[in-house]
Amino acid sequence: MFDILMYLFENYIHSEAEVMVDHDILTDELTRAGFHQDEIYKALTWLEKLAALQDTDAYPYLTRVGRKSFRIYTSEEKQLLDVECRGFLLFLEQVNVLDFTTREMVIDRVMELDTKFFTIDDLKWVVLMVLFNVPGKESAYSQMEDLIFDEQEGPSH
C-alpha cells in the first residue's frame, strides 16, 4: 500500500500534475502499473481519510491548540514508530514544521498504513503527504522538502 501512496504522490501530487479524481481511471492506471486491486483500494481509502482529517467535527481532538504538549505514544504506536521516528517527529515540532494538529495527523496516517516495517524515510514521506494536504502549511511543506531533498555538503557544524 505504501508503494502506491508513494507512486501517487510522486507522479501526481508532488509533480503538480493534474490529479485524476475518477477512481476507476486511477485504479486502472495503478493496475497497469503493477499494483494489486486490494492494495489500490487501501491506498485510496488512506488518502480519503487524510482528506477527511480536515473535518474538525469528525476529529475534534485535532482542534486543541496548545503551546507546549508532550506526546505519550501507545504501545501500538511505539511498535511502528521506533525511537528514531519519534525523535524525528519531536525535532519537526521543535523547528515548527509540525504543530500539535499536523503531528497527530501524521501519527494517525502512519497507524493506518498496512505495514509491519516502517522506517524514518517512510515517515518523512508521510509528513510530506500530510503537510501537502493541509491548507496554510505551504511553508512547513517547503521546509520539510528542504530537510529531505537538500543534501548537506561537508560537515555540519
N, C-alpha and C. Protein backbone atom coordinates (compact mmCIF):
# COMPACT_ATOMS: atom_id res chain seq x y z
N MET A 1 0.82 -1.19 0.00
CA MET A 1 0.00 0.00 0.00
C MET A 1 0.86 1.25 0.00
N PHE A 2 1.92 1.26 0.80
CA PHE A 2 2.77 2.45 0.88
C PHE A 2 3.41 2.76 -0.48
N ASP A 3 3.75 1.72 -1.23
CA ASP A 3 4.32 1.92 -2.57
C ASP A 3 3.33 2.65 -3.47
N ILE A 4 2.07 2.35 -3.34
CA ILE A 4 1.05 3.02 -4.15
C ILE A 4 0.95 4.49 -3.74
N LEU A 5 0.96 4.75 -2.45
CA LEU A 5 0.92 6.13 -1.97
C LEU A 5 2.11 6.92 -2.50
N MET A 6 3.27 6.30 -2.46
CA MET A 6 4.48 6.96 -2.98
C MET A 6 4.34 7.22 -4.48
N TYR A 7 3.84 6.24 -5.20
CA TYR A 7 3.65 6.37 -6.65
C TYR A 7 2.71 7.54 -6.94
N LEU A 8 1.58 7.59 -6.24
CA LEU A 8 0.62 8.67 -6.46
C LEU A 8 1.21 10.03 -6.09
N PHE A 9 1.91 10.08 -4.98
CA PHE A 9 2.48 11.34 -4.53
C PHE A 9 3.53 11.85 -5.52
N GLU A 10 4.41 10.97 -5.96
CA GLU A 10 5.47 11.38 -6.87
C GLU A 10 4.96 11.70 -8.28
N ASN A 11 3.96 10.95 -8.75
CA ASN A 11 3.50 11.12 -10.12
C ASN A 11 2.38 12.12 -10.30
N TYR A 12 1.62 12.39 -9.27
CA TYR A 12 0.50 13.30 -9.41
C TYR A 12 0.59 14.51 -8.51
N ILE A 13 0.74 14.25 -7.25
CA ILE A 13 0.65 15.34 -6.28
C ILE A 13 1.91 16.18 -6.27
N HIS A 14 3.03 15.57 -5.98
CA HIS A 14 4.29 16.30 -5.84
C HIS A 14 4.73 16.92 -7.15
N SER A 15 4.44 16.28 -8.29
CA SER A 15 4.85 16.79 -9.58
C SER A 15 3.89 17.87 -10.09
N GLU A 16 2.84 18.15 -9.32
CA GLU A 16 1.83 19.14 -9.65
C GLU A 16 1.09 18.81 -10.94
N ALA A 17 1.07 17.54 -11.30
CA ALA A 17 0.28 17.10 -12.44
C ALA A 17 -1.19 17.14 -12.04
N GLU A 18 -2.05 17.18 -13.03
CA GLU A 18 -3.48 17.19 -12.73
C GLU A 18 -3.86 15.86 -12.08
N VAL A 19 -4.45 15.95 -10.91
CA VAL A 19 -4.81 14.75 -10.16
C VAL A 19 -6.12 14.21 -10.72
N MET A 20 -6.11 12.93 -11.03
CA MET A 20 -7.33 12.29 -11.53
C MET A 20 -8.27 12.06 -10.36
N VAL A 21 -9.51 12.47 -10.53
CA VAL A 21 -10.47 12.30 -9.47
C VAL A 21 -11.24 10.99 -9.64
N ASP A 22 -11.40 10.55 -10.86
CA ASP A 22 -12.16 9.34 -11.15
C ASP A 22 -11.41 8.12 -10.63
N HIS A 23 -11.99 7.47 -9.63
CA HIS A 23 -11.34 6.31 -9.00
C HIS A 23 -11.15 5.16 -9.99
N ASP A 24 -12.10 4.98 -10.89
CA ASP A 24 -11.98 3.88 -11.86
C ASP A 24 -10.79 4.06 -12.78
N ILE A 25 -10.61 5.27 -13.29
CA ILE A 25 -9.48 5.55 -14.17
C ILE A 25 -8.17 5.39 -13.40
N LEU A 26 -8.14 5.94 -12.21
CA LEU A 26 -6.94 5.85 -11.38
C LEU A 26 -6.64 4.40 -11.02
N THR A 27 -7.67 3.64 -10.68
CA THR A 27 -7.49 2.22 -10.37
C THR A 27 -6.95 1.46 -11.57
N ASP A 28 -7.49 1.75 -12.75
CA ASP A 28 -6.99 1.10 -13.97
C ASP A 28 -5.53 1.42 -14.20
N GLU A 29 -5.16 2.68 -14.03
CA GLU A 29 -3.76 3.06 -14.23
C GLU A 29 -2.84 2.37 -13.23
N LEU A 30 -3.26 2.33 -11.97
CA LEU A 30 -2.45 1.68 -10.94
C LEU A 30 -2.34 0.18 -11.19
N THR A 31 -3.39 -0.42 -11.69
CA THR A 31 -3.36 -1.84 -12.04
C THR A 31 -2.37 -2.08 -13.17
N ARG A 32 -2.39 -1.22 -14.17
CA ARG A 32 -1.44 -1.33 -15.28
C ARG A 32 0.00 -1.11 -14.79
N ALA A 33 0.16 -0.32 -13.74
CA ALA A 33 1.49 -0.08 -13.18
C ALA A 33 1.98 -1.27 -12.35
N GLY A 34 1.10 -2.27 -12.16
CA GLY A 34 1.52 -3.48 -11.47
C GLY A 34 1.06 -3.63 -10.04
N PHE A 35 0.18 -2.75 -9.59
CA PHE A 35 -0.31 -2.83 -8.22
C PHE A 35 -1.55 -3.71 -8.16
N HIS A 36 -1.76 -4.36 -7.02
CA HIS A 36 -2.89 -5.26 -6.82
C HIS A 36 -4.13 -4.47 -6.39
N GLN A 37 -5.28 -4.96 -6.80
CA GLN A 37 -6.55 -4.29 -6.58
C GLN A 37 -6.82 -3.99 -5.10
N ASP A 38 -6.59 -4.95 -4.22
CA ASP A 38 -6.88 -4.71 -2.80
C ASP A 38 -5.96 -3.66 -2.21
N GLU A 39 -4.70 -3.62 -2.65
CA GLU A 39 -3.77 -2.60 -2.16
C GLU A 39 -4.13 -1.22 -2.70
N ILE A 40 -4.61 -1.17 -3.93
CA ILE A 40 -5.06 0.10 -4.52
C ILE A 40 -6.22 0.66 -3.71
N TYR A 41 -7.18 -0.20 -3.39
CA TYR A 41 -8.33 0.22 -2.60
C TYR A 41 -7.88 0.76 -1.24
N LYS A 42 -6.97 0.07 -0.58
CA LYS A 42 -6.48 0.51 0.73
C LYS A 42 -5.79 1.87 0.62
N ALA A 43 -4.99 2.07 -0.42
CA ALA A 43 -4.27 3.34 -0.60
C ALA A 43 -5.25 4.48 -0.87
N LEU A 44 -6.24 4.26 -1.71
CA LEU A 44 -7.22 5.31 -1.99
C LEU A 44 -8.04 5.64 -0.76
N THR A 45 -8.37 4.63 0.03
CA THR A 45 -9.09 4.86 1.28
C THR A 45 -8.22 5.67 2.25
N TRP A 46 -6.93 5.33 2.30
CA TRP A 46 -5.98 6.06 3.16
C TRP A 46 -5.96 7.53 2.78
N LEU A 47 -5.93 7.83 1.47
CA LEU A 47 -5.91 9.22 1.01
C LEU A 47 -7.23 9.92 1.32
N GLU A 48 -8.34 9.22 1.19
CA GLU A 48 -9.63 9.81 1.52
C GLU A 48 -9.70 10.16 3.00
N LYS A 49 -9.17 9.29 3.84
CA LYS A 49 -9.15 9.56 5.28
C LYS A 49 -8.21 10.72 5.61
N LEU A 50 -7.14 10.86 4.86
CA LEU A 50 -6.25 12.00 5.05
C LEU A 50 -7.01 13.29 4.77
N ALA A 51 -7.76 13.32 3.69
CA ALA A 51 -8.56 14.50 3.36
C ALA A 51 -9.62 14.74 4.43
N ALA A 52 -10.19 13.67 4.98
CA ALA A 52 -11.23 13.79 5.99
C ALA A 52 -10.71 14.37 7.30
N LEU A 53 -9.41 14.30 7.54
CA LEU A 53 -8.85 14.85 8.78
C LEU A 53 -9.05 16.36 8.87
N GLN A 54 -9.39 17.00 7.76
CA GLN A 54 -9.67 18.44 7.77
C GLN A 54 -10.97 18.74 8.49
N ASP A 55 -11.84 17.75 8.63
CA ASP A 55 -13.15 17.91 9.24
C ASP A 55 -13.02 17.88 10.76
N THR A 56 -13.08 19.05 11.37
CA THR A 56 -12.88 19.13 12.83
C THR A 56 -14.05 18.54 13.61
N ASP A 57 -15.21 18.38 12.97
CA ASP A 57 -16.33 17.75 13.65
C ASP A 57 -16.08 16.25 13.81
N ALA A 58 -15.47 15.65 12.79
CA ALA A 58 -15.19 14.21 12.84
C ALA A 58 -13.98 13.91 13.71
N TYR A 59 -13.06 14.85 13.79
CA TYR A 59 -11.81 14.66 14.55
C TYR A 59 -11.60 15.84 15.51
N PRO A 60 -12.45 15.97 16.53
CA PRO A 60 -12.36 17.13 17.41
C PRO A 60 -11.05 17.22 18.20
N TYR A 61 -10.35 16.09 18.38
CA TYR A 61 -9.09 16.14 19.12
C TYR A 61 -8.03 16.93 18.36
N LEU A 62 -8.26 17.18 17.08
CA LEU A 62 -7.29 17.93 16.30
C LEU A 62 -7.48 19.44 16.43
N THR A 63 -8.52 19.88 17.11
CA THR A 63 -8.76 21.32 17.22
C THR A 63 -8.11 21.92 18.45
N ARG A 64 -7.58 21.09 19.33
CA ARG A 64 -6.94 21.61 20.53
C ARG A 64 -5.67 22.34 20.15
N VAL A 65 -5.58 23.56 20.63
CA VAL A 65 -4.38 24.34 20.37
C VAL A 65 -3.63 24.49 21.68
N GLY A 66 -2.45 23.98 21.72
CA GLY A 66 -1.66 24.08 22.93
C GLY A 66 -0.28 24.62 22.60
N ARG A 67 0.23 25.40 23.49
CA ARG A 67 1.57 25.95 23.25
C ARG A 67 2.61 24.84 23.29
N LYS A 68 2.60 24.13 24.35
CA LYS A 68 3.56 23.02 24.52
C LYS A 68 2.77 21.79 24.91
N SER A 69 3.12 20.71 24.29
CA SER A 69 2.49 19.46 24.67
C SER A 69 3.53 18.36 24.65
N PHE A 70 3.28 17.35 25.40
CA PHE A 70 4.18 16.21 25.45
C PHE A 70 3.38 15.01 24.99
N ARG A 71 3.84 14.37 23.96
CA ARG A 71 3.11 13.26 23.36
C ARG A 71 3.56 11.95 23.99
N ILE A 72 2.62 11.22 24.54
CA ILE A 72 2.90 9.88 25.06
C ILE A 72 2.34 8.90 24.05
N TYR A 73 3.20 8.05 23.54
CA TYR A 73 2.82 7.11 22.50
C TYR A 73 2.26 5.83 23.09
N THR A 74 1.25 5.27 22.42
CA THR A 74 0.69 3.99 22.83
C THR A 74 1.68 2.89 22.46
N SER A 75 1.47 1.72 23.00
CA SER A 75 2.37 0.61 22.68
C SER A 75 2.29 0.26 21.19
N GLU A 76 1.10 0.37 20.60
CA GLU A 76 0.96 0.10 19.16
C GLU A 76 1.74 1.12 18.34
N GLU A 77 1.67 2.38 18.75
CA GLU A 77 2.41 3.43 18.05
C GLU A 77 3.92 3.20 18.18
N LYS A 78 4.36 2.79 19.36
CA LYS A 78 5.78 2.53 19.57
C LYS A 78 6.28 1.36 18.73
N GLN A 79 5.41 0.40 18.47
CA GLN A 79 5.82 -0.73 17.64
C GLN A 79 6.11 -0.29 16.21
N LEU A 80 5.33 0.66 15.71
CA LEU A 80 5.51 1.11 14.33
C LEU A 80 6.49 2.27 14.24
N LEU A 81 6.41 3.18 15.20
CA LEU A 81 7.29 4.35 15.22
C LEU A 81 8.42 4.09 16.23
N ASP A 82 9.58 3.72 15.72
CA ASP A 82 10.69 3.44 16.63
C ASP A 82 11.22 4.73 17.24
N VAL A 83 12.24 4.62 18.07
CA VAL A 83 12.80 5.78 18.76
C VAL A 83 13.27 6.84 17.78
N GLU A 84 13.89 6.41 16.69
CA GLU A 84 14.37 7.37 15.69
C GLU A 84 13.20 8.15 15.08
N CYS A 85 12.12 7.47 14.76
CA CYS A 85 10.94 8.13 14.18
C CYS A 85 10.31 9.09 15.18
N ARG A 86 10.16 8.66 16.41
CA ARG A 86 9.57 9.53 17.43
C ARG A 86 10.46 10.74 17.69
N GLY A 87 11.75 10.54 17.68
CA GLY A 87 12.68 11.65 17.84
C GLY A 87 12.60 12.63 16.68
N PHE A 88 12.42 12.10 15.48
CA PHE A 88 12.29 12.96 14.31
C PHE A 88 11.01 13.78 14.37
N LEU A 89 9.92 13.18 14.83
CA LEU A 89 8.68 13.94 14.99
C LEU A 89 8.86 15.07 16.00
N LEU A 90 9.55 14.79 17.10
CA LEU A 90 9.83 15.82 18.09
C LEU A 90 10.68 16.93 17.48
N PHE A 91 11.70 16.56 16.72
CA PHE A 91 12.54 17.54 16.04
C PHE A 91 11.70 18.42 15.12
N LEU A 92 10.80 17.82 14.36
CA LEU A 92 9.96 18.59 13.44
C LEU A 92 9.06 19.57 14.19
N GLU A 93 8.62 19.20 15.37
CA GLU A 93 7.84 20.13 16.19
C GLU A 93 8.72 21.27 16.68
N GLN A 94 9.93 20.95 17.09
CA GLN A 94 10.83 21.97 17.62
C GLN A 94 11.24 22.99 16.57
N VAL A 95 11.32 22.58 15.31
CA VAL A 95 11.68 23.52 14.24
C VAL A 95 10.44 24.06 13.53
N ASN A 96 9.27 23.83 14.12
CA ASN A 96 8.00 24.36 13.65
C ASN A 96 7.56 23.88 12.27
N VAL A 97 7.99 22.69 11.89
CA VAL A 97 7.47 22.08 10.67
C VAL A 97 6.11 21.46 11.00
N LEU A 98 6.02 20.83 12.15
CA LEU A 98 4.77 20.25 12.62
C LEU A 98 4.29 21.02 13.84
N ASP A 99 2.97 21.10 13.96
CA ASP A 99 2.37 21.59 15.20
C ASP A 99 1.56 20.44 15.79
N PHE A 100 0.82 20.71 16.85
CA PHE A 100 0.05 19.66 17.50
C PHE A 100 -0.86 18.93 16.51
N THR A 101 -1.59 19.68 15.73
CA THR A 101 -2.56 19.10 14.82
C THR A 101 -1.90 18.27 13.73
N THR A 102 -0.89 18.82 13.08
CA THR A 102 -0.25 18.08 11.98
C THR A 102 0.51 16.87 12.51
N ARG A 103 1.06 16.98 13.71
CA ARG A 103 1.73 15.81 14.31
C ARG A 103 0.73 14.67 14.48
N GLU A 104 -0.44 15.00 15.02
CA GLU A 104 -1.46 13.98 15.23
C GLU A 104 -1.98 13.42 13.91
N MET A 105 -2.05 14.26 12.90
CA MET A 105 -2.46 13.78 11.57
C MET A 105 -1.43 12.78 11.04
N VAL A 106 -0.16 13.10 11.21
CA VAL A 106 0.90 12.21 10.75
C VAL A 106 0.81 10.88 11.47
N ILE A 107 0.67 10.92 12.79
CA ILE A 107 0.59 9.68 13.57
C ILE A 107 -0.65 8.89 13.16
N ASP A 108 -1.76 9.56 12.96
CA ASP A 108 -2.99 8.90 12.53
C ASP A 108 -2.77 8.19 11.20
N ARG A 109 -2.14 8.84 10.26
CA ARG A 109 -1.92 8.26 8.93
C ARG A 109 -0.89 7.12 8.98
N VAL A 110 0.12 7.25 9.82
CA VAL A 110 1.11 6.17 9.97
C VAL A 110 0.43 4.93 10.51
N MET A 111 -0.42 5.10 11.50
CA MET A 111 -1.06 3.95 12.13
C MET A 111 -2.05 3.27 11.19
N GLU A 112 -2.49 3.96 10.17
CA GLU A 112 -3.41 3.36 9.20
C GLU A 112 -2.70 2.65 8.05
N LEU A 113 -1.38 2.73 8.03
CA LEU A 113 -0.64 2.03 6.98
C LEU A 113 -0.67 0.53 7.25
N ASP A 114 -0.77 -0.21 6.20
CA ASP A 114 -0.83 -1.66 6.33
C ASP A 114 0.59 -2.22 6.20
N THR A 115 1.38 -2.01 7.25
CA THR A 115 2.78 -2.45 7.21
C THR A 115 3.25 -2.80 8.60
N LYS A 116 4.20 -3.71 8.65
CA LYS A 116 4.83 -4.06 9.93
C LYS A 116 6.20 -3.39 10.03
N PHE A 117 6.76 -3.01 8.89
CA PHE A 117 8.08 -2.39 8.85
C PHE A 117 7.94 -0.96 8.37
N PHE A 118 8.38 -0.05 9.18
CA PHE A 118 8.24 1.37 8.89
C PHE A 118 9.55 2.05 9.25
N THR A 119 10.08 2.83 8.32
CA THR A 119 11.38 3.48 8.53
C THR A 119 11.22 4.99 8.65
N ILE A 120 12.27 5.63 9.04
CA ILE A 120 12.25 7.09 9.13
C ILE A 120 12.05 7.71 7.74
N ASP A 121 12.57 7.06 6.70
CA ASP A 121 12.34 7.58 5.34
C ASP A 121 10.86 7.51 4.98
N ASP A 122 10.19 6.44 5.39
CA ASP A 122 8.75 6.33 5.17
C ASP A 122 8.02 7.45 5.92
N LEU A 123 8.47 7.71 7.14
CA LEU A 123 7.86 8.77 7.94
C LEU A 123 7.99 10.13 7.26
N LYS A 124 9.14 10.39 6.69
CA LYS A 124 9.35 11.68 6.01
C LYS A 124 8.34 11.86 4.88
N TRP A 125 8.07 10.79 4.15
CA TRP A 125 7.09 10.89 3.06
C TRP A 125 5.68 11.08 3.59
N VAL A 126 5.35 10.43 4.69
CA VAL A 126 4.02 10.63 5.27
C VAL A 126 3.87 12.08 5.72
N VAL A 127 4.91 12.62 6.34
CA VAL A 127 4.87 14.03 6.77
C VAL A 127 4.64 14.93 5.56
N LEU A 128 5.36 14.68 4.47
CA LEU A 128 5.16 15.48 3.26
C LEU A 128 3.73 15.38 2.76
N MET A 129 3.19 14.18 2.72
CA MET A 129 1.81 14.00 2.23
C MET A 129 0.81 14.74 3.10
N VAL A 130 1.01 14.67 4.41
CA VAL A 130 0.10 15.36 5.32
C VAL A 130 0.21 16.87 5.13
N LEU A 131 1.42 17.40 5.15
CA LEU A 131 1.60 18.84 5.01
C LEU A 131 1.08 19.36 3.68
N PHE A 132 1.24 18.57 2.63
CA PHE A 132 0.75 18.98 1.32
C PHE A 132 -0.77 19.12 1.32
N ASN A 133 -1.44 18.32 2.13
CA ASN A 133 -2.90 18.30 2.15
C ASN A 133 -3.53 19.23 3.17
N VAL A 134 -2.73 19.94 3.96
CA VAL A 134 -3.28 20.84 4.97
C VAL A 134 -3.16 22.28 4.48
N PRO A 135 -4.28 22.94 4.26
CA PRO A 135 -4.24 24.34 3.82
C PRO A 135 -3.49 25.21 4.83
N GLY A 136 -2.68 26.12 4.32
CA GLY A 136 -1.94 27.04 5.17
C GLY A 136 -0.61 26.50 5.65
N LYS A 137 -0.25 25.30 5.25
CA LYS A 137 1.02 24.70 5.69
C LYS A 137 2.05 24.66 4.56
N GLU A 138 1.92 25.56 3.60
CA GLU A 138 2.83 25.58 2.47
C GLU A 138 4.27 25.82 2.90
N SER A 139 4.46 26.71 3.86
CA SER A 139 5.81 27.00 4.35
C SER A 139 6.41 25.78 5.05
N ALA A 140 5.61 25.11 5.86
CA ALA A 140 6.08 23.90 6.55
C ALA A 140 6.40 22.81 5.54
N TYR A 141 5.57 22.70 4.50
CA TYR A 141 5.81 21.71 3.45
C TYR A 141 7.14 22.00 2.75
N SER A 142 7.36 23.26 2.43
CA SER A 142 8.61 23.65 1.78
C SER A 142 9.82 23.38 2.68
N GLN A 143 9.68 23.67 3.95
CA GLN A 143 10.75 23.41 4.91
C GLN A 143 11.03 21.91 5.01
N MET A 144 9.98 21.11 4.99
CA MET A 144 10.14 19.65 5.05
C MET A 144 10.82 19.14 3.78
N GLU A 145 10.43 19.69 2.64
CA GLU A 145 11.09 19.32 1.39
C GLU A 145 12.58 19.61 1.46
N ASP A 146 12.92 20.78 2.00
CA ASP A 146 14.32 21.15 2.14
C ASP A 146 15.06 20.16 3.04
N LEU A 147 14.42 19.75 4.13
CA LEU A 147 15.05 18.79 5.04
C LEU A 147 15.30 17.45 4.36
N ILE A 148 14.41 17.06 3.48
CA ILE A 148 14.53 15.76 2.82
C ILE A 148 15.47 15.80 1.62
N PHE A 149 15.28 16.80 0.78
CA PHE A 149 15.95 16.78 -0.52
C PHE A 149 17.26 17.53 -0.59
N ASP A 150 17.48 18.50 0.29
CA ASP A 150 18.74 19.23 0.27
C ASP A 150 19.81 18.43 0.99
N GLU A 151 20.78 17.97 0.27
CA GLU A 151 21.87 17.23 0.88
C GLU A 151 22.93 18.21 1.36
N GLN A 152 23.36 17.98 2.57
CA GLN A 152 24.40 18.84 3.12
C GLN A 152 25.73 18.52 2.48
N GLU A 153 26.47 19.56 2.22
CA GLU A 153 27.82 19.38 1.70
C GLU A 153 28.81 19.65 2.81
N GLY A 154 29.70 18.72 3.03
CA GLY A 154 30.70 18.88 4.08
C GLY A 154 30.13 18.60 5.45
N PRO A 155 30.96 18.78 6.48
CA PRO A 155 30.50 18.51 7.86
C PRO A 155 29.48 19.55 8.31
N SER A 156 28.57 19.11 9.15
CA SER A 156 27.54 20.05 9.67
C SER A 156 27.92 20.49 11.08
N HIS A 157 28.52 21.66 11.15
CA HIS A 157 28.80 22.28 12.45
C HIS A 157 28.90 23.75 12.33
